[in-house]
Structures are given as C-alpha cells and as structure tokens.
Amino acid sequence: MANVIKSIFGGDTDTTIKLDSDGTQYFLSIKILNSKGEYKSFTSTSFVELTFESDFNSPFIAGQLQIDNRGNQNLFNSLPDVFDEMPKKVRQYSSTFDGQEFLFIQIRKKNFNTKTCSYADEIMLDKPFVITNTINSTLSNNTISNYYFTDLIVADLLYTRKEWTSNVLIGKNKKTLSKFSNEELQVNGSAALKRLITDFTYPEIIDNNEWDRGLSTLQYTLPKNAPAMQAITYMLENYVSSNEDLGILTYLGGQFQLTSLKDIFAQVYQKNNNQKIFKERFTNAFKVQTEDTDVVYTNKEAERLLPNSFQFIPINQIDIDFTEPDPISGINTLIDHSLITYNNGSKTFNLFNKTGTVEEVRKDFSDYLKTFPDADEIELNVPANDFYKLNKVTNFNTSNSPSQTTSNSQKSKISLQRKMLQYLSRCKFKAPGNFNICANKFLYLTVTVKEKNDFLTKVPGFWYITNSITTLKSGTFRTEVTASKFDRPIPE
C-alpha cells in the first residue's frame, strides 16, 4: 500500500499546482483521503482558490478549497489511465459523510540560497486538516466544489460522542456524588477545560508552560450526544484568568495554550537593558505610505521603535481602511457592565458593579500597557462617555457557589474586554501572504505623515489582530488583516 500511496502522491502524473504571484512561484500539493482508503489529488487545471482564516473567537484555523467541478468531473472521473494497475478502490473517490475525510496541504516556494548559489524549496505549510462540509456552487457558469476544512484535532472535539462530566476531577466514588452539595462539586475551570480536551484527544496536546490556572470554578456535565466543542465554548465563556481578566484559548504548534489577556500583551515587546526585544506574539511591521515624504524627528518611542534600515512592509494610503467606533457602539457597547447573581440556596442577590466599569477597565489596561513604548504617555483607547454615562449593560446569573464570588465579580469586566476587541479603533488592509499573521497576535503599524491630527497620533504602535484571511489563487497570495488598537496618547 505504501508504494500505491507513493504512486498517487508522487507518480509520473504531475499533480503539483503551480501559482505565480508578485514574481514568486508557489507550489501546492493538495490531496484528500477518506475512511475507505480512497485518495484524490488535485491539479492546476481543477484548482480555483484556497483560503485560510483565523479569528480571535476560535483557537482553530478554518479554510475553504475551491475546485472546478465542470461536468461533475469530481464525481464521474477516476484517476488518470496511468494508474490502471492500481486497485479500483484506490483509483476512485467518494464522500463518506462520516467526519473522516482528510485534506493534506503542502505549500512551498523557491528561495535563492546565497551559500550554495542555487534555488531550494522553502516549505511554508505542510499539515493535514479535516473536512467539515462540502457544498457545490456556481461561479461564471461553472460548477465549483467548495471543501470547508479546519484543524485536524477538531474532528475529535466535534464528532466524538461520549459522556463527560467535571465530576471526574473530584476523585470520589460516583455512587456517592449525589450526597455532595453544589459547592462541593465545584472544580477549577482551567483544570476542567484541560481534562475535557485531553479526555477527547490525548495528554500531550496541552502546552503546560502556557496554561493559565485561572480563578473560576464550575460544575458541568456534557449533554447527551453533544460534542466536546459545546463544553469548550461554555467553559471559556465562564472562565476568569489568574489576572482576573479575559482568557484566550489558542492552538499553536500542535498544542493548546490558555493565556490571560494581560499575559498576551506581555508577550509582544519588552526592553531589557535598553535592548528592544520582540517576543512571540509579534508578527511584523507595516508602514502606511502617503504623499508626505518629509522625515520628521520625534521623541515618541513608538514611532522610532524599529531602526531606519528596517524594511517595513508598505501599505498604500488608499489600501487601508480605518474604522472608529460608531455611535451605536459608543452608546450601547463600550459602556459600563454590571452583573447580578442570585444564590438559590441562600435566596440572596449579589450586585457586582465596580469591576465592569469603563473606568476600572481603563485602570487595568494601564498595567497591561506597561510593556508598550511610551507607556507613561498612553491610555486605553476608550474616550469618556459623559453624555450617556448612565447607560449600562446588566447581566443576570444564577449561582449556588460561594467559591464563584471572585470570578462572578470579574465577569462584567471580561464581557467589556471581549467587546473592546471588536469595537475599538480598527484597521483592515491587505499584505503579502503570510501565515504567521494570525489572530491573537500583534502587528506594528506606523504612518508617514508630517502633520498629524488627533486620529493619526494614535496610529503608531501595536495593533491586536482579531482576524486574518490568507488567499492563494492564480496571480494572488495575499493576507487580509483586521486589527484593533488598545492604546492611544493621553489627551493633552
């Protein structure tokens, strides 16, 4: 069978997809495998487009592969005649609808090696994915097969069905659990999330060095026939980090990380003995090009963070969109949040007002932003809303556990933080294709303008990436980035 697979994936028939973009040639190898042992490879004649998307709301990559299905060729055709000697089972392919269809994607390009004076392959992406859906559509009167896919590990979290309860962390006899109170059944939310993920996958998938223990507690039982993904969503919505703020779940390098929002800010940039150090959450630096070519001296560290010799990635002024919070967001979203909890046991109400106020969140971010340039001169990018300061969002929660008091007191703040990721000053632009530019990381942005208005004074600095979409097709390899700005200069 190994020789058969090798013949399909690397035989005489050329299944490599060649694309040219901006003077660089890219080579794609795309193959599908199903649970019946059937394989299919796509060629340049059938390939239309490949996209990858990352979003701060999900730890996983989502993607879409578009294939020209003219004349139903994906359904009617087997492999070329050169594979006649292969078993029929391997030469054909059909969808199995069992959650076990896998997509193998390799992307590489030719790079010139100055040491050997020759061109060598640079592998940019080489990983398997699981197909979650297949939909046919029409494009220019051609039938297009759209394969939607995501990280391979999602298959376990989305399709596996089994019983699970956080009570497994208590370590007591299941038969006696009914004797315990709701308070005694509470477990640490971080430990429950870790156990859930490993019970549906395997222990090594957790990055223990980047796993925040958190403060929140919970008691959770997965509903019958529900996927683990449903429990993950619930646990993250009710999670409070060790820093008493929002927790971000990521899946990088084949492992899960659970990090507080404050720690993410600390993983971008720091100064050590006057040496500037960019850390793991930093991606790249961009400069918005304008018609103003004057070089103006500034004492703002954010604007001279990188040396003059640094090759910023240029963005034309007309190719970037800046968006300030709209009036509805300012009135109804970026405002004070409060939480009311009701304890069924004691029949009492608790009101948590203070931590969810814009002013308190502003104070917290003063600490988060200490690692940024000009930290003493910047503040959270939320203006005072005096006219509508009586507006607030009030949430209601039922709780029987005194141990949840600390985490409940922070949930209003976390709700406000999550909205800030979406509604603060945003920018959107397209850059050369780059898989490293992904959600929950930062990019650096500056602008070549001599005379700055109030808005342009807050452009230079780090922007939090909330979404990225990377597209590959004939003549195109681009990444579209959406990012939010958390800091701004303190108004004079």
Protein backbone atom coordinates (compact mmCIF):
# COMPACT_ATOMS: atom_id res chain seq x y z
CA MET A 1 0.00 0.00 0.00
CA ALA A 2 2.90 2.35 0.70
CA ASN A 3 4.01 2.08 -2.93
CA VAL A 4 0.44 2.72 -4.09
CA ILE A 5 0.22 5.89 -1.99
CA LYS A 6 3.61 6.99 -3.25
CA SER A 7 2.46 6.41 -6.82
CA ILE A 8 -0.66 8.53 -6.28
CA PHE A 9 1.06 11.33 -4.39
CA GLY A 10 4.33 11.38 -6.28
CA GLY A 11 3.95 9.43 -9.51
CA ASP A 12 4.75 10.42 -13.06
CA THR A 13 1.49 12.32 -13.44
CA ASP A 14 2.10 15.90 -12.31
CA THR A 15 -0.36 16.77 -9.53
CA THR A 16 1.60 19.82 -8.36
CA ILE A 17 -0.31 23.09 -8.59
CA LYS A 18 1.88 25.98 -9.73
CA LEU A 19 0.94 29.58 -8.94
CA ASP A 20 2.75 32.86 -9.65
CA SER A 21 2.30 35.97 -7.54
CA ASP A 22 4.44 39.12 -7.43
CA GLY A 23 7.34 37.41 -9.21
CA THR A 24 7.41 34.40 -6.88
CA GLN A 25 6.38 30.88 -7.86
CA TYR A 26 4.46 28.78 -5.36
CA PHE A 27 3.87 25.04 -5.50
CA LEU A 28 0.81 23.45 -3.90
CA SER A 29 0.17 19.79 -3.27
CA ILE A 30 -3.44 19.08 -2.25
CA LYS A 31 -4.80 15.60 -1.60
CA ILE A 32 -7.90 14.08 0.01
CA LEU A 33 -8.12 10.79 1.90
CA ASN A 34 -11.33 9.19 3.21
CA SER A 35 -12.07 6.42 5.72
CA LYS A 36 -12.44 3.86 2.92
CA GLY A 37 -8.82 4.31 1.87
CA GLU A 38 -9.69 6.27 -1.27
CA TYR A 39 -7.45 9.12 -2.44
CA LYS A 40 -7.73 12.07 -4.74
CA SER A 41 -5.13 14.61 -5.87
CA PHE A 42 -5.97 17.98 -7.43
CA THR A 43 -4.11 19.52 -10.35
CA SER A 44 -3.62 23.01 -11.75
CA THR A 45 -6.48 22.50 -14.23
CA SER A 46 -9.04 21.97 -11.47
CA PHE A 47 -7.69 24.27 -8.73
CA VAL A 48 -9.53 27.59 -8.25
CA GLU A 49 -8.74 29.07 -4.82
CA LEU A 50 -7.52 28.23 -1.32
CA THR A 51 -8.22 30.37 1.75
CA PHE A 52 -7.26 30.15 5.43
CA GLU A 53 -8.92 32.17 8.19
CA SER A 54 -8.01 32.78 11.82
CA ASP A 55 -10.27 34.64 14.25
CA PHE A 56 -9.82 35.65 17.90
CA ASN A 57 -13.11 33.90 18.77
CA SER A 58 -11.72 30.47 17.86
CA PRO A 59 -8.39 28.71 18.50
CA PHE A 60 -8.62 26.88 15.18
CA ILE A 61 -7.79 27.64 11.56
CA ALA A 62 -10.76 27.47 9.19
CA GLY A 63 -10.32 27.13 5.45
CA GLN A 64 -12.01 26.72 2.10
CA LEU A 65 -10.75 24.91 -1.00
CA GLN A 66 -12.49 25.68 -4.30
CA ILE A 67 -12.21 23.12 -7.10
CA ASP A 68 -13.59 23.43 -10.64
CA ASN A 69 -16.15 20.63 -10.91
CA ARG A 70 -17.01 21.22 -14.56
CA GLY A 71 -19.11 18.38 -15.91
CA ASN A 72 -19.24 16.74 -12.46
CA GLN A 73 -15.71 15.55 -13.08
CA ASN A 74 -15.05 15.15 -9.37
CA LEU A 75 -17.89 12.62 -9.23
CA PHE A 76 -17.53 10.91 -12.62
CA ASN A 77 -13.76 10.71 -13.05
CA SER A 78 -11.33 8.27 -11.51
CA LEU A 79 -7.57 8.75 -11.55
CA PRO A 80 -5.84 9.03 -14.96
CA ASP A 81 -5.20 5.94 -17.09
CA VAL A 82 -1.58 5.86 -15.94
CA PHE A 83 -2.91 4.39 -12.67
CA ASP A 84 -4.75 1.46 -14.35
CA GLU A 85 -2.64 -1.08 -12.50
CA MET A 86 -3.90 0.19 -9.13
CA PRO A 87 -6.84 -1.37 -7.26
CA LYS A 88 -10.16 0.22 -8.24
CA LYS A 89 -10.83 1.11 -4.58
CA VAL A 90 -7.80 3.38 -4.54
CA ARG A 91 -8.39 4.85 -8.01
CA GLN A 92 -11.80 6.34 -7.17
CA TYR A 93 -13.03 8.74 -4.50
CA SER A 94 -16.41 9.42 -2.90
CA SER A 95 -17.54 11.43 0.11
CA THR A 96 -18.18 9.27 3.18
CA PHE A 97 -20.23 11.71 5.34
CA ASP A 98 -18.65 10.19 8.48
CA GLY A 99 -16.41 13.04 9.62
CA GLN A 100 -13.35 11.13 8.42
CA GLU A 101 -12.39 12.94 5.24
CA PHE A 102 -8.95 14.48 5.48
CA LEU A 103 -7.24 17.15 3.43
CA PHE A 104 -3.44 17.21 3.12
CA ILE A 105 -1.98 20.55 2.05
CA GLN A 106 1.63 21.41 1.35
CA ILE A 107 2.69 24.87 0.16
CA ARG A 108 6.26 25.64 -0.79
CA LYS A 109 8.21 28.21 -2.78
CA LYS A 110 11.65 28.51 -4.32
CA ASN A 111 14.17 30.59 -2.40
CA PHE A 112 17.64 31.51 -3.61
CA ASN A 113 20.34 30.18 -1.28
CA THR A 114 23.29 32.60 -1.35
CA LYS A 115 25.63 29.99 0.18
CA THR A 116 25.09 27.35 -2.48
CA CYS A 117 24.11 29.76 -5.29
CA SER A 118 21.10 27.61 -6.04
CA TYR A 119 17.34 27.58 -5.51
CA ALA A 120 15.88 25.39 -2.79
CA ASP A 121 12.38 24.61 -1.61
CA GLU A 122 11.07 26.51 1.40
CA ILE A 123 8.09 24.72 2.94
CA MET A 124 5.60 27.34 4.11
CA LEU A 125 2.83 24.98 5.19
CA ASP A 126 2.66 21.20 5.48
CA LYS A 127 -0.19 19.82 7.57
CA PRO A 128 -3.39 17.76 7.50
CA PHE A 129 -6.90 19.10 8.04
CA VAL A 130 -10.35 17.56 8.47
CA ILE A 131 -13.15 18.37 6.01
CA THR A 132 -16.26 19.64 7.80
CA ASN A 133 -18.53 20.31 4.82
CA THR A 134 -18.69 20.08 1.02
CA ILE A 135 -21.01 22.41 -0.92
CA ASN A 136 -21.37 22.93 -4.66
CA SER A 137 -21.86 26.45 -6.01
CA THR A 138 -21.72 28.25 -9.37
CA LEU A 139 -19.01 30.63 -10.50
CA SER A 140 -19.06 32.11 -14.03
CA ASN A 141 -21.43 29.33 -15.13
CA ASN A 142 -19.02 26.68 -13.82
CA THR A 143 -19.86 24.27 -11.02
CA ILE A 144 -17.47 24.75 -8.09
CA SER A 145 -16.94 22.22 -5.30
CA ASN A 146 -16.25 24.02 -2.01
CA TYR A 147 -14.42 21.94 0.59
CA TYR A 148 -14.56 23.53 4.05
CA PHE A 149 -11.89 22.35 6.47
CA THR A 150 -10.32 23.03 9.85
CA ASP A 151 -7.51 21.79 12.10
CA LEU A 152 -7.34 18.01 12.28
CA ILE A 153 -7.82 17.92 16.06
CA VAL A 154 -11.30 19.41 15.65
CA ALA A 155 -12.51 16.03 14.35
CA ASP A 156 -12.14 14.60 17.87
CA LEU A 157 -13.79 17.61 19.51
CA LEU A 158 -16.61 17.91 17.00
CA TYR A 159 -17.51 14.35 16.02
CA THR A 160 -16.67 12.17 19.03
CA ARG A 161 -19.71 11.42 21.19
CA LYS A 162 -19.28 10.18 24.75
CA GLU A 163 -20.34 11.00 28.30
CA TRP A 164 -18.30 13.56 30.20
CA THR A 165 -18.69 15.44 33.48
CA SER A 166 -16.42 17.67 35.52
CA ASN A 167 -17.13 15.34 38.45
CA VAL A 168 -14.28 13.14 37.18
CA LEU A 169 -11.90 15.69 38.71
CA ILE A 170 -13.31 15.24 42.20
CA GLY A 171 -11.91 11.74 42.61
CA LYS A 172 -14.76 10.39 44.68
CA ASN A 173 -16.99 7.38 44.16
CA LYS A 174 -19.60 8.21 41.51
CA LYS A 175 -22.28 6.46 43.54
CA THR A 176 -21.85 8.92 46.41
CA LEU A 177 -21.73 12.13 44.34
CA SER A 178 -25.44 12.72 44.87
CA LYS A 179 -24.67 13.34 48.55
CA PHE A 180 -22.41 16.29 47.77
CA SER A 181 -23.61 19.88 47.65
CA ASN A 182 -23.25 22.09 44.59
CA GLU A 183 -20.39 23.85 46.35
CA GLU A 184 -18.54 20.56 46.89
CA LEU A 185 -18.97 19.63 43.20
CA GLN A 186 -17.26 22.82 42.00
CA VAL A 187 -13.87 22.32 40.31
CA ASN A 188 -11.31 24.71 38.89
CA GLY A 189 -12.46 25.86 35.43
CA SER A 190 -8.98 25.69 33.92
CA ALA A 191 -8.44 22.13 35.19
CA ALA A 192 -11.85 21.11 33.85
CA LEU A 193 -11.08 22.54 30.40
CA LYS A 194 -7.72 20.77 30.32
CA ARG A 195 -9.27 17.45 31.37
CA LEU A 196 -12.06 17.77 28.81
CA ILE A 197 -9.64 18.40 25.94
CA THR A 198 -7.29 15.56 26.92
CA ASP A 199 -10.16 13.11 27.51
CA PHE A 200 -11.31 13.67 23.93
CA THR A 201 -7.79 13.83 22.43
CA TYR A 202 -4.52 12.95 24.23
CA PRO A 203 -2.47 14.37 27.18
CA GLU A 204 0.44 15.80 25.16
CA ILE A 205 -1.84 18.23 23.35
CA ILE A 206 -1.71 20.70 26.27
CA ASP A 207 1.12 23.25 26.45
CA ASN A 208 1.53 23.20 30.23
CA ASN A 209 4.06 26.05 30.11
CA GLU A 210 1.39 28.29 28.58
CA TRP A 211 -1.65 27.21 30.55
CA ASP A 212 -3.19 29.71 32.97
CA ARG A 213 -4.72 28.12 36.07
CA GLY A 214 -7.41 30.75 36.42
CA LEU A 215 -9.72 31.63 39.30
CA SER A 216 -13.15 30.48 38.16
CA THR A 217 -14.90 27.30 39.27
CA LEU A 218 -17.68 25.30 37.65
CA GLN A 219 -19.65 22.08 37.65
CA TYR A 220 -20.52 20.86 34.15
CA THR A 221 -22.00 17.77 32.50
CA LEU A 222 -21.90 17.44 28.72
CA PRO A 223 -25.45 16.95 27.37
CA LYS A 224 -26.18 13.59 25.76
CA ASN A 225 -24.95 13.33 22.16
CA ALA A 226 -23.31 16.78 22.36
CA PRO A 227 -19.76 17.40 21.05
CA ALA A 228 -16.88 18.42 23.30
CA MET A 229 -16.79 21.73 21.41
CA GLN A 230 -20.03 22.73 23.14
CA ALA A 231 -18.40 22.26 26.55
CA ILE A 232 -15.29 24.19 25.48
CA THR A 233 -17.46 27.15 24.48
CA TYR A 234 -19.29 27.10 27.81
CA MET A 235 -16.10 26.85 29.87
CA LEU A 236 -14.40 29.73 28.05
CA GLU A 237 -17.46 31.96 28.47
CA ASN A 238 -17.31 31.35 32.23
CA TYR A 239 -13.53 31.44 32.62
CA VAL A 240 -11.67 34.07 34.65
CA SER A 241 -7.88 34.13 34.35
CA SER A 242 -5.35 34.35 37.17
CA ASN A 243 -5.06 38.06 36.35
CA GLU A 244 -8.83 38.40 36.81
CA ASP A 245 -9.43 39.08 33.13
CA LEU A 246 -10.31 37.50 29.80
CA GLY A 247 -8.78 34.14 28.90
CA ILE A 248 -7.73 33.35 25.31
CA LEU A 249 -7.55 29.72 24.09
CA THR A 250 -5.16 29.20 21.18
CA TYR A 251 -3.95 26.18 19.21
CA LEU A 252 -0.39 26.77 18.02
CA GLY A 253 2.36 24.32 17.16
CA GLY A 254 0.04 21.35 17.64
CA GLN A 255 -0.78 22.24 21.28
CA PHE A 256 -3.42 24.22 23.17
CA GLN A 257 -2.49 27.32 25.17
CA LEU A 258 -4.73 29.11 27.68
CA THR A 259 -3.47 32.61 28.30
CA SER A 260 -4.81 35.67 30.06
CA LEU A 261 -5.25 38.83 28.02
CA LYS A 262 -2.70 40.60 30.21
CA ASP A 263 -0.07 37.92 29.54
CA ILE A 264 -0.69 38.17 25.79
CA PHE A 265 0.23 41.86 25.98
CA ALA A 266 3.40 40.92 27.85
CA GLN A 267 4.38 38.54 25.01
CA VAL A 268 4.77 41.29 22.40
CA TYR A 269 7.64 43.59 23.27
CA GLN A 270 9.98 44.47 26.10
CA LYS A 271 13.10 46.47 26.83
CA ASN A 272 16.00 44.74 28.56
CA ASN A 273 19.00 46.92 29.42
CA ASN A 274 17.94 49.34 26.68
CA GLN A 275 17.77 46.45 24.21
CA LYS A 276 14.47 46.16 22.36
CA ILE A 277 13.15 42.61 22.25
CA PHE A 278 10.23 41.49 20.14
CA LYS A 279 8.57 38.40 21.58
CA GLU A 280 6.42 35.51 20.35
CA ARG A 281 3.18 37.46 19.87
CA PHE A 282 4.79 39.97 17.49
CA THR A 283 4.32 39.26 13.76
CA ASN A 284 5.57 42.06 11.51
CA ALA A 285 5.74 45.83 10.97
CA PHE A 286 3.88 47.88 8.36
CA LYS A 287 4.09 51.49 7.23
CA VAL A 288 1.22 53.39 5.65
CA GLN A 289 2.65 55.33 2.70
CA THR A 290 1.34 58.82 1.97
CA GLU A 291 2.40 61.64 -0.32
CA ASP A 292 4.22 63.28 2.60
CA THR A 293 7.88 62.27 2.22
CA ASP A 294 9.44 64.57 4.84
CA VAL A 295 11.34 62.81 7.60
CA VAL A 296 10.43 64.42 10.90
CA TYR A 297 12.25 63.82 14.17
CA THR A 298 10.07 62.56 17.01
CA ASN A 299 10.77 61.67 20.60
CA LYS A 300 7.94 59.13 20.58
CA GLU A 301 9.49 55.70 21.01
CA ALA A 302 6.58 54.02 19.22
CA GLU A 303 7.45 55.88 16.02
CA ARG A 304 11.17 55.06 16.14
CA LEU A 305 10.87 51.57 17.55
CA LEU A 306 12.50 49.92 14.54
CA PRO A 307 15.82 51.08 13.01
CA ASN A 308 15.90 53.20 9.86
CA SER A 309 17.31 50.23 7.94
CA PHE A 310 14.30 48.06 8.82
CA GLN A 311 12.25 47.05 5.79
CA PHE A 312 8.69 47.95 6.71
CA ILE A 313 6.02 46.28 4.62
CA PRO A 314 4.47 49.22 2.73
CA ILE A 315 0.73 49.88 2.62
CA ASN A 316 -0.66 52.48 0.28
CA GLN A 317 -2.88 55.02 2.00
CA ILE A 318 -5.84 54.10 -0.22
CA ASP A 319 -5.43 50.36 0.57
CA ILE A 320 -6.06 50.58 4.31
CA ASP A 321 -9.41 51.26 5.97
CA PHE A 322 -9.55 52.75 9.45
CA THR A 323 -12.77 52.48 11.43
CA GLU A 324 -13.57 54.33 14.62
CA PRO A 325 -16.33 53.05 16.96
CA ASP A 326 -19.72 54.00 15.57
CA PRO A 327 -22.27 55.95 17.67
CA ILE A 328 -24.33 52.85 18.47
CA SER A 329 -21.25 51.06 19.80
CA GLY A 330 -20.27 54.09 21.85
CA ILE A 331 -23.72 54.33 23.40
CA ASN A 332 -24.67 50.67 23.82
CA THR A 333 -21.47 48.60 23.81
CA LEU A 334 -18.37 50.36 25.16
CA ILE A 335 -20.11 51.31 28.39
CA ASP A 336 -20.29 50.10 31.99
CA HIS A 337 -21.23 46.46 32.53
CA SER A 338 -22.65 45.00 35.74
CA LEU A 339 -23.68 41.54 36.93
CA ILE A 340 -26.45 40.45 39.29
CA THR A 341 -26.18 36.93 40.74
CA TYR A 342 -28.86 35.03 42.60
CA ASN A 343 -28.00 32.26 45.05
CA ASN A 344 -30.75 29.63 45.12
CA GLY A 345 -29.53 28.21 48.39
CA SER A 346 -29.41 31.37 50.47
CA LYS A 347 -32.08 33.19 48.41
CA THR A 348 -29.83 36.23 48.17
CA PHE A 349 -28.78 38.63 45.39
CA ASN A 350 -25.30 39.99 44.78
CA LEU A 351 -24.65 43.06 42.65
CA PHE A 352 -21.22 43.46 41.01
CA ASN A 353 -20.92 46.94 39.60
CA LYS A 354 -17.42 48.29 40.04
CA THR A 355 -15.14 45.92 38.08
CA GLY A 356 -17.19 46.20 34.88
CA THR A 357 -17.00 49.96 34.58
CA VAL A 358 -15.06 51.58 31.75
CA GLU A 359 -13.03 53.50 34.31
CA GLU A 360 -11.93 50.34 36.14
CA VAL A 361 -11.05 48.58 32.89
CA ARG A 362 -9.08 51.68 31.89
CA LYS A 363 -7.05 51.37 35.13
CA ASP A 364 -6.37 47.67 34.46
CA PHE A 365 -5.12 48.38 30.95
CA SER A 366 -2.70 50.94 32.30
CA ASP A 367 -0.94 47.93 33.82
CA TYR A 368 -1.30 45.81 30.64
CA LEU A 369 0.26 48.55 28.51
CA LYS A 370 3.37 48.99 30.65
CA THR A 371 5.40 46.85 28.24
CA PHE A 372 4.48 49.09 25.29
CA PRO A 373 6.58 52.02 24.05
CA ASP A 374 5.69 55.38 25.58
CA ALA A 375 3.79 53.53 28.32
CA ASP A 376 3.75 56.60 30.56
CA GLU A 377 2.07 58.63 27.83
CA ILE A 378 -0.67 56.26 26.65
CA GLU A 379 -4.00 55.05 27.97
CA LEU A 380 -6.81 52.71 26.96
CA ASN A 381 -8.36 53.78 23.66
CA VAL A 382 -11.85 54.45 25.08
CA PRO A 383 -12.96 58.08 25.42
CA ALA A 384 -15.13 59.19 28.30
CA ASN A 385 -18.82 58.86 27.51
CA ASP A 386 -20.21 61.59 29.74
CA PHE A 387 -23.44 62.23 27.90
CA TYR A 388 -24.52 58.58 28.09
CA LYS A 389 -22.68 57.60 31.24
CA LEU A 390 -25.90 56.32 32.84
CA ASN A 391 -26.21 53.67 30.10
CA LYS A 392 -25.05 50.26 31.21
CA VAL A 393 -25.39 46.56 30.38
CA THR A 394 -26.72 44.42 33.24
CA ASN A 395 -26.40 40.63 33.12
CA PHE A 396 -28.13 38.12 35.38
CA ASN A 397 -26.60 34.87 36.62
CA THR A 398 -27.85 32.12 38.93
CA SER A 399 -25.20 30.73 41.25
CA ASN A 400 -25.19 28.37 44.22
CA SER A 401 -21.47 28.53 44.92
CA PRO A 402 -19.74 30.99 47.25
CA SER A 403 -16.45 29.96 45.58
CA GLN A 404 -17.70 31.65 42.40
CA THR A 405 -17.94 35.05 44.07
CA THR A 406 -14.47 36.15 42.91
CA SER A 407 -14.98 35.03 39.32
CA ASN A 408 -18.51 36.47 39.18
CA SER A 409 -17.19 39.85 40.26
CA GLN A 410 -14.91 39.86 37.17
CA LYS A 411 -17.35 38.63 34.52
CA SER A 412 -18.67 42.10 33.75
CA LYS A 413 -15.14 43.32 33.11
CA ILE A 414 -14.43 40.30 30.89
CA SER A 415 -17.58 40.96 28.88
CA LEU A 416 -16.45 44.54 28.32
CA GLN A 417 -12.90 43.43 27.39
CA ARG A 418 -14.26 41.00 24.79
CA LYS A 419 -16.32 43.77 23.19
CA MET A 420 -13.31 46.06 23.09
CA LEU A 421 -11.52 43.55 20.88
CA GLN A 422 -14.25 44.11 18.31
CA TYR A 423 -15.29 47.74 18.72
CA LEU A 424 -12.17 49.81 19.42
CA SER A 425 -10.42 51.66 16.59
CA ARG A 426 -9.88 49.11 13.84
CA CYS A 427 -7.94 48.84 10.62
CA LYS A 428 -8.22 46.47 7.67
CA PHE A 429 -5.68 46.06 4.90
CA LYS A 430 -4.12 43.51 2.55
CA ALA A 431 -0.48 42.45 2.79
CA PRO A 432 1.71 39.88 1.02
CA GLY A 433 0.68 36.36 2.02
CA ASN A 434 1.94 35.46 5.49
CA PHE A 435 0.70 32.54 7.63
CA ASN A 436 2.33 33.99 10.75
CA ILE A 437 -0.02 36.98 10.71
CA CYS A 438 -2.89 35.39 12.61
CA ALA A 439 -5.45 36.22 15.28
CA ASN A 440 -4.42 36.87 18.89
CA LYS A 441 -1.03 38.23 17.85
CA PHE A 442 0.11 41.81 17.29
CA LEU A 443 1.41 43.78 14.33
CA TYR A 444 3.25 47.10 14.41
CA LEU A 445 1.87 49.96 12.33
CA THR A 446 3.12 53.46 11.62
CA VAL A 447 2.39 56.18 9.06
CA THR A 448 4.49 58.68 7.08
CA VAL A 449 2.65 61.92 7.82
CA LYS A 450 4.36 65.10 8.96
CA GLU A 451 1.37 66.91 10.44
CA LYS A 452 -0.83 64.53 12.44
CA ASN A 453 -4.40 65.12 13.51
CA ASP A 454 -5.85 63.54 16.66
CA PHE A 455 -6.59 60.23 14.94
CA LEU A 456 -3.18 59.86 13.30
CA THR A 457 -1.38 60.45 16.59
CA LYS A 458 -2.69 57.09 17.84
CA VAL A 459 -1.91 55.07 14.70
CA PRO A 460 1.76 54.30 15.51
CA GLY A 461 2.11 51.31 17.80
CA PHE A 462 0.92 47.76 18.27
CA TRP A 463 -2.42 46.58 16.89
CA TYR A 464 -4.15 43.40 18.13
CA ILE A 465 -5.03 41.08 15.24
CA THR A 466 -8.64 39.92 15.52
CA ASN A 467 -8.96 38.27 12.10
CA SER A 468 -6.79 37.27 9.15
CA ILE A 469 -7.73 35.70 5.80
CA THR A 470 -4.95 34.36 3.57
CA THR A 471 -5.88 33.65 -0.05
CA LEU A 472 -3.97 31.73 -2.72
CA LYS A 473 -5.10 31.62 -6.33
CA SER A 474 -3.62 32.31 -9.75
CA GLY A 475 -1.72 35.62 -9.52
CA THR A 476 -2.63 36.17 -5.86
CA PHE A 477 -1.06 35.36 -2.50
CA ARG A 478 -2.48 37.87 -0.04
CA THR A 479 -3.35 38.15 3.66
CA GLU A 480 -6.20 40.45 4.66
CA VAL A 481 -5.77 41.64 8.23
CA THR A 482 -8.25 43.14 10.67
CA ALA A 483 -6.74 44.58 13.87
CA SER A 484 -7.80 46.68 16.87
CA LYS A 485 -5.88 49.39 18.72
CA PHE A 486 -5.96 49.23 22.52
CA ASP A 487 -3.84 52.28 23.33
CA ARG A 488 -3.85 55.96 22.40
CA PRO A 489 -1.90 59.01 23.55
CA ILE A 490 -3.21 60.67 26.69
CA PRO A 491 -5.17 63.74 25.52
CA GLU A 492 -3.40 66.99 26.30
